[in-house]
Protein backbone atom coordinates (compact mmCIF):
# COMPACT_ATOMS: atom_id res chain seq x y z
CA UNK A 1 0.00 0.00 0.00
CA UNK A 2 1.21 3.47 -0.88
CA UNK A 3 1.39 5.33 2.45
CA UNK A 4 1.97 8.75 0.87
CA UNK A 5 -1.11 8.39 -1.32
CA UNK A 6 -3.09 7.27 1.70
CA UNK A 7 -2.09 10.38 3.67
CA UNK A 8 -3.03 12.58 0.70
CA UNK A 9 -6.41 10.83 0.38
CA UNK A 10 -7.32 11.83 3.94
CA UNK A 11 -5.76 15.31 3.82
CA UNK A 12 -6.22 17.03 0.46
CA UNK A 13 -4.59 20.19 1.87
CA UNK A 14 -1.30 18.33 2.28
CA UNK A 15 1.81 19.27 0.26
CA UNK A 16 1.74 15.62 -0.82
CA UNK A 17 -0.37 16.84 -3.71
CA UNK A 18 2.99 17.02 -5.54
CA UNK A 19 3.48 13.30 -4.90
CA UNK A 20 0.06 12.61 -6.38
CA UNK A 21 0.93 14.77 -9.40
CA UNK A 22 4.19 12.88 -9.92
CA UNK A 23 2.21 9.63 -9.98
CA UNK A 24 -0.01 11.14 -12.67
CA UNK A 25 3.11 12.03 -14.66
CA UNK A 26 4.39 8.46 -14.31
CA UNK A 27 1.06 7.27 -15.74
CA UNK A 28 1.41 9.75 -18.63
CA UNK A 29 -1.71 11.62 -17.50
CA UNK A 30 -0.29 15.09 -18.16
CA UNK A 31 -3.63 16.91 -18.00
CA UNK A 32 -4.41 15.39 -14.61
CA UNK A 33 -0.95 16.29 -13.33
CA UNK A 34 -1.31 19.87 -14.58
CA UNK A 35 -4.63 20.27 -12.77
CA UNK A 36 -3.14 18.98 -9.50
CA UNK A 37 -0.07 21.16 -9.91
CA UNK A 38 -2.17 24.26 -10.58
CA UNK A 39 -3.97 23.65 -7.29
CA UNK A 40 -0.65 23.04 -5.54
CA UNK A 41 0.86 26.25 -6.94
CA UNK A 42 -2.05 28.23 -5.51
CA UNK A 43 -1.75 26.60 -2.08
CA UNK A 44 2.06 26.38 -1.89
CA UNK A 45 3.54 29.13 -4.09
CA UNK A 46 7.02 28.76 -2.52
CA UNK A 47 7.26 25.00 -3.04
CA UNK A 48 9.72 24.63 -5.97
CA UNK A 49 8.82 20.97 -6.58
CA UNK A 50 5.43 22.16 -7.86
CA UNK A 51 7.09 24.22 -10.57
CA UNK A 52 9.64 21.59 -11.58
CA UNK A 53 6.92 18.95 -11.97
CA UNK A 54 4.83 21.48 -13.86
CA UNK A 55 7.73 21.95 -16.29
CA UNK A 56 7.94 18.21 -16.89
CA UNK A 57 4.22 18.04 -17.69
CA UNK A 58 4.42 21.07 -19.98
CA UNK A 59 7.47 19.67 -21.77
CA UNK A 60 5.44 16.59 -22.64
CA UNK A 61 2.66 18.82 -23.92
CA UNK A 62 5.24 20.94 -25.81
CA UNK A 63 4.24 24.32 -24.40
CA UNK A 64 7.74 25.82 -24.33
CA UNK A 65 6.82 29.47 -23.70
CA UNK A 66 4.86 28.64 -20.58
CA UNK A 67 7.56 26.14 -19.63
CA UNK A 68 10.23 28.89 -19.58
CA UNK A 69 8.05 31.16 -17.44
CA UNK A 70 7.37 28.46 -14.84
CA UNK A 71 10.97 27.26 -14.78
CA UNK A 72 12.09 30.78 -13.89
CA UNK A 73 9.53 30.79 -11.08
CA UNK A 74 10.92 27.49 -9.79
CA UNK A 75 14.47 28.80 -9.76
CA UNK A 76 13.50 32.01 -7.95
CA UNK A 77 11.35 30.36 -5.25
């Protein structure tokens, strides 16, 4: 059993939302990951993992302009 996923299931306000998004990326569900990461960026704007994972999802969707903007945000935070 995935303990991190279990914690996130019971506490949706947890920073483990990034873990859930990374699982979506592993499953090649880029849209699902982007939705989770958008929520995470609003809740945890200074959590750089959110932005790095967002860049990975955007790279797969080939949105390079937005990718550059978010990567700069990740480096600054």
